[in-house]
N, C-alpha and C. Protein backbone atom coordinates (compact mmCIF):
# COMPACT_ATOMS: atom_id res chain seq x y z
N MET A 1 -125.57 40.47 -104.99
CA MET A 1 -125.88 40.07 -103.63
C MET A 1 -125.57 38.60 -103.46
N THR A 2 -125.16 38.26 -102.28
CA THR A 2 -124.88 36.87 -101.99
C THR A 2 -126.09 36.26 -101.34
N GLY A 3 -126.09 34.98 -101.14
CA GLY A 3 -127.24 34.28 -100.57
C GLY A 3 -127.49 34.65 -99.12
N SER A 4 -126.41 34.93 -98.34
CA SER A 4 -126.61 35.24 -96.93
C SER A 4 -127.25 36.61 -96.74
N GLU A 5 -126.97 37.55 -97.65
CA GLU A 5 -127.54 38.88 -97.51
C GLU A 5 -129.02 38.87 -97.86
N ASP A 6 -129.45 37.93 -98.71
CA ASP A 6 -130.85 37.88 -99.08
C ASP A 6 -131.73 37.44 -97.91
N ARG A 7 -131.19 36.65 -97.02
CA ARG A 7 -131.98 36.13 -95.90
C ARG A 7 -132.08 37.11 -94.74
N ARG A 8 -131.30 38.14 -94.73
CA ARG A 8 -131.35 39.12 -93.65
C ARG A 8 -132.61 39.97 -93.78
N PRO A 9 -133.16 40.36 -92.64
CA PRO A 9 -134.30 41.28 -92.73
C PRO A 9 -133.81 42.63 -93.24
N PRO A 10 -134.72 43.44 -93.77
CA PRO A 10 -134.29 44.74 -94.27
C PRO A 10 -133.70 45.59 -93.14
N ALA A 11 -132.77 46.42 -93.50
CA ALA A 11 -132.08 47.25 -92.52
C ALA A 11 -133.06 48.27 -91.92
N GLN A 12 -132.96 48.44 -90.62
CA GLN A 12 -133.76 49.45 -89.93
C GLN A 12 -132.82 50.31 -89.10
N TYR A 13 -133.08 51.60 -89.08
CA TYR A 13 -132.37 52.54 -88.21
C TYR A 13 -130.87 52.54 -88.45
N GLY A 14 -130.41 52.18 -89.63
CA GLY A 14 -128.99 52.25 -89.95
C GLY A 14 -128.14 51.18 -89.32
N GLU A 15 -128.73 50.02 -89.02
CA GLU A 15 -127.94 49.00 -88.33
C GLU A 15 -126.87 48.37 -89.21
N TYR A 16 -126.99 48.45 -90.54
CA TYR A 16 -125.97 47.90 -91.42
C TYR A 16 -125.04 49.00 -91.93
N ALA A 17 -125.17 50.20 -91.39
CA ALA A 17 -124.36 51.33 -91.85
C ALA A 17 -122.92 51.17 -91.38
N THR A 18 -122.02 51.72 -92.16
CA THR A 18 -120.61 51.70 -91.77
C THR A 18 -120.41 52.70 -90.62
N PRO A 19 -119.32 52.59 -89.88
CA PRO A 19 -119.07 53.56 -88.79
C PRO A 19 -119.04 55.00 -89.28
N GLU A 20 -118.50 55.20 -90.50
CA GLU A 20 -118.47 56.56 -91.03
C GLU A 20 -119.88 57.08 -91.28
N GLU A 21 -120.74 56.21 -91.83
CA GLU A 21 -122.13 56.61 -92.10
C GLU A 21 -122.89 56.86 -90.79
N GLN A 22 -122.60 56.08 -89.77
CA GLN A 22 -123.25 56.30 -88.47
C GLN A 22 -122.81 57.63 -87.87
N GLN A 23 -121.52 57.93 -87.94
CA GLN A 23 -121.01 59.20 -87.43
C GLN A 23 -121.69 60.37 -88.14
N LYS A 24 -121.79 60.26 -89.48
CA LYS A 24 -122.38 61.32 -90.27
C LYS A 24 -123.86 61.49 -89.91
N ALA A 25 -124.58 60.41 -89.71
CA ALA A 25 -126.01 60.47 -89.37
C ALA A 25 -126.22 61.09 -87.98
N LYS A 26 -125.29 60.87 -87.08
CA LYS A 26 -125.39 61.44 -85.74
C LYS A 26 -124.97 62.90 -85.72
N GLY A 27 -124.42 63.39 -86.80
CA GLY A 27 -123.98 64.78 -86.85
C GLY A 27 -122.62 64.97 -86.20
N LEU A 28 -121.88 63.90 -85.99
CA LEU A 28 -120.55 63.97 -85.40
C LEU A 28 -119.52 64.09 -86.50
N PRO A 29 -118.33 64.62 -86.19
CA PRO A 29 -117.30 64.72 -87.22
C PRO A 29 -116.87 63.32 -87.65
N GLU A 30 -116.47 63.23 -88.89
CA GLU A 30 -116.02 61.94 -89.40
C GLU A 30 -114.73 61.54 -88.71
N PRO A 31 -114.52 60.24 -88.50
CA PRO A 31 -113.30 59.82 -87.82
C PRO A 31 -112.06 60.18 -88.64
N THR A 32 -111.01 60.52 -87.92
CA THR A 32 -109.75 60.88 -88.57
C THR A 32 -108.99 59.61 -88.93
N ALA A 33 -107.88 59.80 -89.63
CA ALA A 33 -107.06 58.65 -90.04
C ALA A 33 -106.52 57.93 -88.81
N HIS A 34 -106.20 58.68 -87.76
CA HIS A 34 -105.69 58.08 -86.52
C HIS A 34 -106.75 57.17 -85.91
N ASP A 35 -108.01 57.62 -85.89
CA ASP A 35 -109.09 56.80 -85.35
C ASP A 35 -109.30 55.55 -86.18
N ALA A 36 -109.17 55.68 -87.50
CA ALA A 36 -109.39 54.53 -88.37
C ALA A 36 -108.33 53.47 -88.15
N THR A 37 -107.08 53.90 -87.95
CA THR A 37 -106.02 52.92 -87.72
C THR A 37 -106.15 52.30 -86.34
N ALA A 38 -106.62 53.06 -85.37
CA ALA A 38 -106.80 52.51 -84.03
C ALA A 38 -107.92 51.49 -84.03
N ASP A 39 -108.97 51.75 -84.84
CA ASP A 39 -110.10 50.83 -84.89
C ASP A 39 -109.78 49.60 -85.74
N ALA A 40 -108.75 49.68 -86.58
CA ALA A 40 -108.44 48.55 -87.46
C ALA A 40 -108.01 47.33 -86.66
N GLY A 41 -107.39 47.53 -85.51
CA GLY A 41 -106.95 46.41 -84.68
C GLY A 41 -108.08 45.80 -83.87
N GLN A 42 -109.19 46.46 -83.80
CA GLN A 42 -110.33 45.97 -83.03
C GLN A 42 -111.13 44.98 -83.86
N PRO A 43 -111.59 43.91 -83.26
CA PRO A 43 -112.44 42.99 -84.02
C PRO A 43 -113.80 43.63 -84.28
N ALA A 44 -114.38 43.33 -85.40
CA ALA A 44 -115.68 43.89 -85.77
C ALA A 44 -116.76 43.26 -84.89
N PRO A 45 -117.74 44.04 -84.50
CA PRO A 45 -118.82 43.47 -83.70
C PRO A 45 -119.62 42.48 -84.53
N PRO A 46 -120.18 41.47 -83.88
CA PRO A 46 -120.95 40.48 -84.64
C PRO A 46 -122.18 41.14 -85.26
N ALA A 47 -122.54 40.65 -86.44
CA ALA A 47 -123.69 41.20 -87.15
C ALA A 47 -124.97 40.79 -86.42
N ALA A 48 -125.91 41.68 -86.42
CA ALA A 48 -127.18 41.40 -85.76
C ALA A 48 -127.95 40.38 -86.58
N THR A 49 -128.56 39.43 -85.89
CA THR A 49 -129.33 38.41 -86.60
C THR A 49 -130.77 38.85 -86.82
N HIS A 50 -131.23 39.77 -86.03
CA HIS A 50 -132.57 40.29 -86.25
C HIS A 50 -132.58 41.78 -85.92
N ALA A 51 -133.52 42.47 -86.47
CA ALA A 51 -133.60 43.91 -86.27
C ALA A 51 -134.26 44.20 -84.93
N ALA A 52 -133.60 45.01 -84.13
CA ALA A 52 -134.15 45.40 -82.84
C ALA A 52 -134.41 46.90 -82.86
N PRO A 53 -135.48 47.34 -82.25
CA PRO A 53 -135.74 48.78 -82.22
C PRO A 53 -134.66 49.48 -81.41
N PRO A 54 -134.36 50.72 -81.75
CA PRO A 54 -133.31 51.43 -81.02
C PRO A 54 -133.73 51.68 -79.57
N GLN A 55 -132.75 51.61 -78.71
CA GLN A 55 -132.98 51.87 -77.29
C GLN A 55 -132.65 53.32 -77.00
N ALA A 56 -133.34 53.88 -76.03
CA ALA A 56 -133.05 55.25 -75.61
C ALA A 56 -131.67 55.28 -74.98
N ASP A 57 -130.96 56.36 -75.17
CA ASP A 57 -129.64 56.48 -74.58
C ASP A 57 -129.76 56.49 -73.07
N PRO A 58 -128.93 55.71 -72.37
CA PRO A 58 -128.99 55.73 -70.91
C PRO A 58 -128.52 57.09 -70.40
N PRO A 59 -129.05 57.55 -69.26
CA PRO A 59 -128.62 58.85 -68.74
C PRO A 59 -127.15 58.80 -68.35
N SER A 60 -126.48 59.91 -68.58
CA SER A 60 -125.07 59.97 -68.20
C SER A 60 -124.97 60.08 -66.69
N ARG A 61 -123.75 60.03 -66.18
CA ARG A 61 -123.54 60.01 -64.74
C ARG A 61 -124.07 61.27 -64.06
N GLY A 62 -123.99 62.42 -64.71
CA GLY A 62 -124.41 63.67 -64.10
C GLY A 62 -125.90 63.91 -64.18
N GLN A 63 -126.58 63.20 -65.08
CA GLN A 63 -128.00 63.42 -65.25
C GLN A 63 -128.80 62.56 -64.29
N VAL A 64 -129.93 63.12 -63.86
CA VAL A 64 -130.85 62.37 -63.02
C VAL A 64 -132.06 62.07 -63.88
N PRO A 65 -132.47 60.81 -63.96
CA PRO A 65 -133.64 60.52 -64.78
C PRO A 65 -134.86 61.21 -64.20
N SER A 66 -135.60 61.87 -65.04
CA SER A 66 -136.77 62.59 -64.54
C SER A 66 -137.96 61.64 -64.54
N ALA A 67 -138.60 61.59 -63.42
CA ALA A 67 -139.79 60.76 -63.26
C ALA A 67 -141.02 61.65 -63.39
N PRO A 68 -142.15 61.06 -63.64
CA PRO A 68 -143.34 61.89 -63.73
C PRO A 68 -143.61 62.58 -62.40
N ALA A 69 -143.87 63.85 -62.47
CA ALA A 69 -144.06 64.65 -61.27
C ALA A 69 -145.48 64.49 -60.74
N HIS A 70 -145.63 64.73 -59.46
CA HIS A 70 -146.93 64.72 -58.82
C HIS A 70 -147.37 66.18 -58.71
N PRO A 71 -148.32 66.62 -59.52
CA PRO A 71 -148.64 68.05 -59.56
C PRO A 71 -149.16 68.59 -58.24
N VAL A 72 -149.98 67.84 -57.51
CA VAL A 72 -150.50 68.33 -56.23
C VAL A 72 -149.38 68.44 -55.22
N ASP A 73 -148.49 67.45 -55.20
CA ASP A 73 -147.35 67.50 -54.29
C ASP A 73 -146.47 68.69 -54.59
N ARG A 74 -146.24 68.96 -55.86
CA ARG A 74 -145.41 70.10 -56.27
C ARG A 74 -146.03 71.40 -55.78
N ILE A 75 -147.33 71.56 -55.95
CA ILE A 75 -148.01 72.79 -55.52
C ILE A 75 -147.95 72.94 -54.01
N VAL A 76 -148.26 71.87 -53.28
CA VAL A 76 -148.23 71.93 -51.82
C VAL A 76 -146.83 72.24 -51.32
N THR A 77 -145.83 71.61 -51.89
CA THR A 77 -144.45 71.86 -51.48
C THR A 77 -144.05 73.31 -51.71
N LEU A 78 -144.38 73.84 -52.88
CA LEU A 78 -144.02 75.22 -53.19
C LEU A 78 -144.78 76.21 -52.32
N VAL A 79 -146.04 75.93 -52.02
CA VAL A 79 -146.82 76.81 -51.13
C VAL A 79 -146.21 76.80 -49.73
N LEU A 80 -145.84 75.62 -49.23
CA LEU A 80 -145.23 75.54 -47.90
C LEU A 80 -143.89 76.27 -47.86
N LEU A 81 -143.10 76.15 -48.91
CA LEU A 81 -141.83 76.87 -48.96
C LEU A 81 -142.05 78.39 -49.00
N ALA A 82 -143.05 78.82 -49.76
CA ALA A 82 -143.37 80.25 -49.82
C ALA A 82 -143.85 80.75 -48.46
N LEU A 83 -144.65 79.95 -47.78
CA LEU A 83 -145.12 80.32 -46.44
C LEU A 83 -143.94 80.43 -45.47
N GLY A 84 -143.01 79.49 -45.54
CA GLY A 84 -141.82 79.54 -44.69
C GLY A 84 -140.97 80.78 -44.95
N LEU A 85 -140.83 81.15 -46.21
CA LEU A 85 -140.08 82.36 -46.55
C LEU A 85 -140.80 83.59 -46.02
N PHE A 86 -142.11 83.61 -46.14
CA PHE A 86 -142.91 84.73 -45.63
C PHE A 86 -142.75 84.87 -44.11
N VAL A 87 -142.80 83.76 -43.40
CA VAL A 87 -142.65 83.79 -41.94
C VAL A 87 -141.26 84.29 -41.56
N TRP A 88 -140.23 83.82 -42.27
CA TRP A 88 -138.87 84.26 -41.96
C TRP A 88 -138.71 85.76 -42.21
N LEU A 89 -139.19 86.22 -43.37
CA LEU A 89 -139.08 87.65 -43.68
C LEU A 89 -139.89 88.50 -42.71
N ASN A 90 -141.05 88.01 -42.30
CA ASN A 90 -141.88 88.72 -41.34
C ASN A 90 -141.24 88.78 -39.95
N GLY A 91 -140.41 87.81 -39.62
CA GLY A 91 -139.77 87.76 -38.31
C GLY A 91 -138.53 88.62 -38.18
N ILE A 92 -138.04 89.16 -39.28
CA ILE A 92 -136.80 89.95 -39.24
C ILE A 92 -136.91 91.12 -38.27
N PRO A 93 -137.95 91.95 -38.34
CA PRO A 93 -138.01 93.08 -37.41
C PRO A 93 -138.06 92.64 -35.94
N GLY A 94 -138.77 91.58 -35.65
CA GLY A 94 -138.86 91.09 -34.27
C GLY A 94 -137.53 90.60 -33.72
N TYR A 95 -136.79 89.87 -34.55
CA TYR A 95 -135.50 89.36 -34.09
C TYR A 95 -134.45 90.46 -33.99
N LEU A 96 -134.56 91.48 -34.84
CA LEU A 96 -133.62 92.59 -34.74
C LEU A 96 -133.91 93.47 -33.52
N ALA A 97 -135.13 93.39 -32.99
CA ALA A 97 -135.50 94.13 -31.78
C ALA A 97 -135.90 93.14 -30.69
N LEU A 98 -135.12 92.07 -30.53
CA LEU A 98 -135.46 91.02 -29.57
C LEU A 98 -135.45 91.53 -28.14
N ALA A 99 -134.56 92.44 -27.81
CA ALA A 99 -134.52 92.99 -26.45
C ALA A 99 -135.81 93.74 -26.13
N ASP A 100 -136.34 94.50 -27.09
CA ASP A 100 -137.60 95.21 -26.87
C ASP A 100 -138.77 94.24 -26.69
N ALA A 101 -138.77 93.18 -27.49
CA ALA A 101 -139.84 92.18 -27.36
C ALA A 101 -139.78 91.49 -26.01
N LEU A 102 -138.57 91.19 -25.54
CA LEU A 102 -138.44 90.54 -24.23
C LEU A 102 -138.78 91.51 -23.10
N GLN A 103 -138.54 92.79 -23.30
CA GLN A 103 -138.93 93.78 -22.30
C GLN A 103 -140.46 93.82 -22.15
N MET A 104 -141.17 93.66 -23.27
CA MET A 104 -142.63 93.59 -23.21
C MET A 104 -143.08 92.37 -22.40
N VAL A 105 -142.40 91.24 -22.57
CA VAL A 105 -142.71 90.04 -21.79
C VAL A 105 -142.45 90.30 -20.31
N PHE A 106 -141.33 90.96 -20.01
CA PHE A 106 -141.01 91.27 -18.62
C PHE A 106 -142.06 92.20 -18.02
N ASP A 107 -142.52 93.17 -18.81
CA ASP A 107 -143.56 94.09 -18.32
C ASP A 107 -144.85 93.34 -18.02
N GLN A 108 -145.22 92.39 -18.85
CA GLN A 108 -146.44 91.62 -18.62
C GLN A 108 -146.32 90.72 -17.40
N LEU A 109 -145.11 90.23 -17.17
CA LEU A 109 -144.89 89.37 -15.99
C LEU A 109 -144.63 90.18 -14.73
N GLY A 110 -144.40 91.48 -14.87
CA GLY A 110 -144.05 92.30 -13.72
C GLY A 110 -142.66 91.95 -13.20
N ALA A 111 -141.76 91.61 -14.12
CA ALA A 111 -140.42 91.14 -13.75
C ALA A 111 -139.39 92.26 -13.73
N GLY A 112 -139.78 93.47 -13.99
CA GLY A 112 -138.83 94.58 -13.95
C GLY A 112 -138.27 94.89 -15.32
N THR A 113 -136.99 95.19 -15.36
CA THR A 113 -136.32 95.60 -16.59
C THR A 113 -135.47 94.46 -17.12
N TYR A 114 -135.56 94.23 -18.42
CA TYR A 114 -134.73 93.22 -19.06
C TYR A 114 -133.31 93.77 -19.14
N GLN A 115 -132.33 93.04 -18.61
CA GLN A 115 -130.97 93.57 -18.46
C GLN A 115 -129.95 92.99 -19.43
N ALA A 116 -130.31 92.06 -20.27
CA ALA A 116 -129.35 91.43 -21.19
C ALA A 116 -129.62 91.85 -22.63
N ALA A 117 -129.74 93.17 -22.85
CA ALA A 117 -130.09 93.68 -24.18
C ALA A 117 -129.01 93.36 -25.22
N ASP A 118 -127.74 93.44 -24.84
CA ASP A 118 -126.66 93.14 -25.79
C ASP A 118 -126.69 91.67 -26.22
N THR A 119 -126.91 90.79 -25.27
CA THR A 119 -127.01 89.36 -25.57
C THR A 119 -128.19 89.09 -26.48
N ALA A 120 -129.32 89.74 -26.19
CA ALA A 120 -130.53 89.55 -27.01
C ALA A 120 -130.31 90.03 -28.44
N ALA A 121 -129.59 91.15 -28.60
CA ALA A 121 -129.33 91.66 -29.95
C ALA A 121 -128.48 90.67 -30.75
N ALA A 122 -127.45 90.12 -30.12
CA ALA A 122 -126.59 89.15 -30.80
C ALA A 122 -127.37 87.87 -31.11
N LEU A 123 -128.20 87.43 -30.17
CA LEU A 123 -128.99 86.22 -30.39
C LEU A 123 -130.03 86.42 -31.48
N GLY A 124 -130.58 87.63 -31.59
CA GLY A 124 -131.55 87.91 -32.64
C GLY A 124 -130.95 87.79 -34.03
N VAL A 125 -129.76 88.34 -34.20
CA VAL A 125 -129.07 88.23 -35.49
C VAL A 125 -128.70 86.78 -35.77
N THR A 126 -128.22 86.08 -34.74
CA THR A 126 -127.88 84.66 -34.89
C THR A 126 -129.09 83.86 -35.31
N ALA A 127 -130.23 84.13 -34.69
CA ALA A 127 -131.46 83.42 -35.02
C ALA A 127 -131.84 83.64 -36.48
N LEU A 128 -131.72 84.88 -36.94
CA LEU A 128 -132.06 85.16 -38.34
C LEU A 128 -131.17 84.41 -39.31
N VAL A 129 -129.87 84.36 -39.00
CA VAL A 129 -128.94 83.64 -39.87
C VAL A 129 -129.24 82.14 -39.87
N VAL A 130 -129.44 81.57 -38.68
CA VAL A 130 -129.71 80.13 -38.59
C VAL A 130 -131.02 79.78 -39.28
N GLN A 131 -132.04 80.58 -39.05
CA GLN A 131 -133.33 80.30 -39.67
C GLN A 131 -133.28 80.49 -41.18
N GLY A 132 -132.51 81.46 -41.65
CA GLY A 132 -132.34 81.62 -43.09
C GLY A 132 -131.64 80.42 -43.71
N LEU A 133 -130.63 79.89 -43.01
CA LEU A 133 -129.95 78.69 -43.50
C LEU A 133 -130.88 77.49 -43.50
N ILE A 134 -131.70 77.37 -42.46
CA ILE A 134 -132.66 76.25 -42.40
C ILE A 134 -133.61 76.34 -43.59
N TRP A 135 -134.11 77.55 -43.86
CA TRP A 135 -135.03 77.69 -44.99
C TRP A 135 -134.33 77.37 -46.31
N ALA A 136 -133.11 77.86 -46.49
CA ALA A 136 -132.38 77.62 -47.74
C ALA A 136 -132.10 76.13 -47.95
N LEU A 137 -131.70 75.44 -46.89
CA LEU A 137 -131.45 74.00 -47.00
C LEU A 137 -132.74 73.23 -47.27
N THR A 138 -133.82 73.68 -46.63
CA THR A 138 -135.12 73.05 -46.86
C THR A 138 -135.55 73.24 -48.31
N ALA A 139 -135.41 74.46 -48.81
CA ALA A 139 -135.80 74.75 -50.20
C ALA A 139 -134.95 73.94 -51.18
N ALA A 140 -133.65 73.85 -50.93
CA ALA A 140 -132.78 73.09 -51.82
C ALA A 140 -133.14 71.60 -51.79
N SER A 141 -133.38 71.07 -50.60
CA SER A 141 -133.74 69.65 -50.49
C SER A 141 -135.06 69.37 -51.20
N ALA A 142 -136.04 70.25 -51.01
CA ALA A 142 -137.33 70.06 -51.66
C ALA A 142 -137.19 70.16 -53.18
N TRP A 143 -136.37 71.10 -53.65
CA TRP A 143 -136.19 71.28 -55.09
C TRP A 143 -135.58 70.02 -55.72
N PHE A 144 -134.52 69.50 -55.10
CA PHE A 144 -133.89 68.30 -55.66
C PHE A 144 -134.82 67.10 -55.59
N SER A 145 -135.61 67.02 -54.53
CA SER A 145 -136.56 65.93 -54.41
C SER A 145 -137.65 66.04 -55.48
N LEU A 146 -138.14 67.25 -55.69
CA LEU A 146 -139.15 67.45 -56.74
C LEU A 146 -138.56 67.14 -58.12
N LYS A 147 -137.33 67.52 -58.33
CA LYS A 147 -136.68 67.29 -59.62
C LYS A 147 -136.54 65.79 -59.90
N ARG A 148 -136.40 65.01 -58.88
CA ARG A 148 -136.30 63.55 -59.04
C ARG A 148 -137.67 62.89 -59.12
N GLY A 149 -138.73 63.68 -58.96
CA GLY A 149 -140.08 63.13 -59.06
C GLY A 149 -140.55 62.46 -57.78
N ARG A 150 -139.94 62.75 -56.67
CA ARG A 150 -140.33 62.14 -55.39
C ARG A 150 -141.36 62.99 -54.68
N ILE A 151 -142.08 62.37 -53.78
CA ILE A 151 -143.03 63.09 -52.94
C ILE A 151 -142.22 63.99 -52.00
N SER A 152 -142.56 65.29 -51.95
CA SER A 152 -141.70 66.24 -51.24
C SER A 152 -142.42 67.13 -50.25
N TRP A 153 -143.72 66.99 -50.07
CA TRP A 153 -144.45 67.91 -49.20
C TRP A 153 -143.97 67.86 -47.77
N TRP A 154 -143.39 66.76 -47.34
CA TRP A 154 -142.97 66.61 -45.95
C TRP A 154 -141.68 67.37 -45.65
N ILE A 155 -140.89 67.69 -46.67
CA ILE A 155 -139.61 68.37 -46.45
C ILE A 155 -139.80 69.76 -45.85
N PRO A 156 -140.73 70.60 -46.36
CA PRO A 156 -140.95 71.89 -45.71
C PRO A 156 -141.50 71.76 -44.29
N LEU A 157 -142.24 70.70 -44.01
CA LEU A 157 -142.74 70.50 -42.65
C LEU A 157 -141.60 70.19 -41.68
N VAL A 158 -140.65 69.39 -42.12
CA VAL A 158 -139.47 69.11 -41.29
C VAL A 158 -138.67 70.39 -41.09
N GLY A 159 -138.53 71.17 -42.16
CA GLY A 159 -137.84 72.46 -42.05
C GLY A 159 -138.55 73.40 -41.08
N ALA A 160 -139.89 73.40 -41.09
CA ALA A 160 -140.65 74.25 -40.17
C ALA A 160 -140.43 73.81 -38.72
N ALA A 161 -140.36 72.50 -38.50
CA ALA A 161 -140.12 72.01 -37.14
C ALA A 161 -138.73 72.43 -36.66
N LEU A 162 -137.73 72.32 -37.52
CA LEU A 162 -136.38 72.76 -37.15
C LEU A 162 -136.34 74.27 -36.91
N TYR A 163 -137.06 75.02 -37.72
CA TYR A 163 -137.16 76.47 -37.59
C TYR A 163 -137.76 76.83 -36.22
N PHE A 164 -138.84 76.13 -35.85
CA PHE A 164 -139.50 76.38 -34.56
C PHE A 164 -138.57 76.05 -33.39
N ILE A 165 -137.88 74.93 -33.49
CA ILE A 165 -136.95 74.53 -32.42
C ILE A 165 -135.84 75.58 -32.28
N ALA A 166 -135.30 76.05 -33.39
CA ALA A 166 -134.26 77.08 -33.34
C ALA A 166 -134.79 78.35 -32.70
N SER A 167 -136.02 78.73 -33.01
CA SER A 167 -136.63 79.93 -32.42
C SER A 167 -136.77 79.78 -30.91
N MET A 168 -137.25 78.64 -30.47
CA MET A 168 -137.45 78.42 -29.04
C MET A 168 -136.12 78.42 -28.28
N ILE A 169 -135.10 77.86 -28.89
CA ILE A 169 -133.79 77.84 -28.24
C ILE A 169 -133.26 79.27 -28.08
N VAL A 170 -133.38 80.07 -29.13
CA VAL A 170 -132.87 81.45 -29.08
C VAL A 170 -133.63 82.26 -28.03
N VAL A 171 -134.94 82.17 -28.03
CA VAL A 171 -135.73 82.94 -27.06
C VAL A 171 -135.45 82.47 -25.64
N SER A 172 -135.32 81.17 -25.45
CA SER A 172 -135.02 80.65 -24.11
C SER A 172 -133.67 81.13 -23.61
N VAL A 173 -132.67 81.07 -24.47
CA VAL A 173 -131.33 81.52 -24.07
C VAL A 173 -131.37 83.01 -23.75
N ALA A 174 -132.09 83.79 -24.56
CA ALA A 174 -132.19 85.23 -24.31
C ALA A 174 -132.91 85.52 -22.99
N LEU A 175 -133.96 84.76 -22.68
CA LEU A 175 -134.67 84.96 -21.41
C LEU A 175 -133.78 84.61 -20.22
N PHE A 176 -133.13 83.47 -20.31
CA PHE A 176 -132.31 83.03 -19.18
C PHE A 176 -131.00 83.79 -19.07
N ALA A 177 -130.66 84.63 -20.07
CA ALA A 177 -129.46 85.45 -19.99
C ALA A 177 -129.64 86.58 -18.97
N ASP A 178 -130.88 86.94 -18.70
CA ASP A 178 -131.16 87.98 -17.70
C ASP A 178 -131.16 87.33 -16.32
N PRO A 179 -130.32 87.82 -15.41
CA PRO A 179 -130.24 87.19 -14.08
C PRO A 179 -131.52 87.36 -13.26
N GLY A 180 -132.27 88.38 -13.51
CA GLY A 180 -133.48 88.61 -12.73
C GLY A 180 -134.68 87.80 -13.19
N PHE A 181 -134.61 87.16 -14.36
CA PHE A 181 -135.76 86.43 -14.89
C PHE A 181 -136.13 85.25 -13.99
N MET A 182 -135.16 84.44 -13.61
CA MET A 182 -135.46 83.27 -12.77
C MET A 182 -135.96 83.70 -11.39
N ASP A 183 -135.42 84.79 -10.88
CA ASP A 183 -135.88 85.28 -9.59
C ASP A 183 -137.34 85.68 -9.65
N SER A 184 -137.73 86.38 -10.73
CA SER A 184 -139.12 86.81 -10.87
C SER A 184 -140.06 85.64 -11.09
N VAL A 185 -139.60 84.64 -11.81
CA VAL A 185 -140.44 83.45 -12.04
C VAL A 185 -140.62 82.68 -10.74
N SER A 186 -139.54 82.54 -9.95
CA SER A 186 -139.66 81.81 -8.68
C SER A 186 -140.53 82.56 -7.68
N VAL A 187 -140.48 83.88 -7.67
CA VAL A 187 -141.34 84.67 -6.79
C VAL A 187 -142.80 84.51 -7.19
N GLN A 188 -143.09 84.51 -8.48
CA GLN A 188 -144.47 84.37 -8.96
C GLN A 188 -145.03 82.99 -8.70
N THR A 189 -144.19 81.96 -8.73
CA THR A 189 -144.68 80.61 -8.47
C THR A 189 -144.96 80.39 -7.00
N ARG A 190 -144.30 81.14 -6.10
CA ARG A 190 -144.55 81.01 -4.66
C ARG A 190 -145.87 81.67 -4.27
N SER A 191 -146.23 82.72 -4.98
CA SER A 191 -147.45 83.43 -4.55
C SER A 191 -148.69 82.91 -5.20
């Protein structure tokens, strides 16, 4: 041993290991002759003057660092998403029979017969598709937010508001598609 090696602190975590020994310890294949010649032109890194504890590997570009999750937020978010799915699934029969549902409204208002049944049928299917997409986007947004460890309970509430707005637009368009609806409403407001 030389005098300079005696003054160094003892090796920790393989910091004085050769590149081949480091590769072997990591379980990687040993460098080939081509790699050795390519590395020969590179200057050697400076020797460490003191032993430092190993650092955790930084996350790669595709990985998202996981933060500690909020268990109550996770439960509330998942319950709200499940409730939204239940409401959407429960609404399928109503939207598929939207003309019948609107006929019941017309009967209660004394407005006669609902005449835009074809339009209502198309709007009912459209509503189901749009609301299904809203729920799927809401669920995906909440999932990615939860995965990042962020507070996410508000995402299903925003999705529910969009779902409600979409429902009101579809029902309004279906009501106003009947030419007699406005006439019956104006007659009722006069009396």
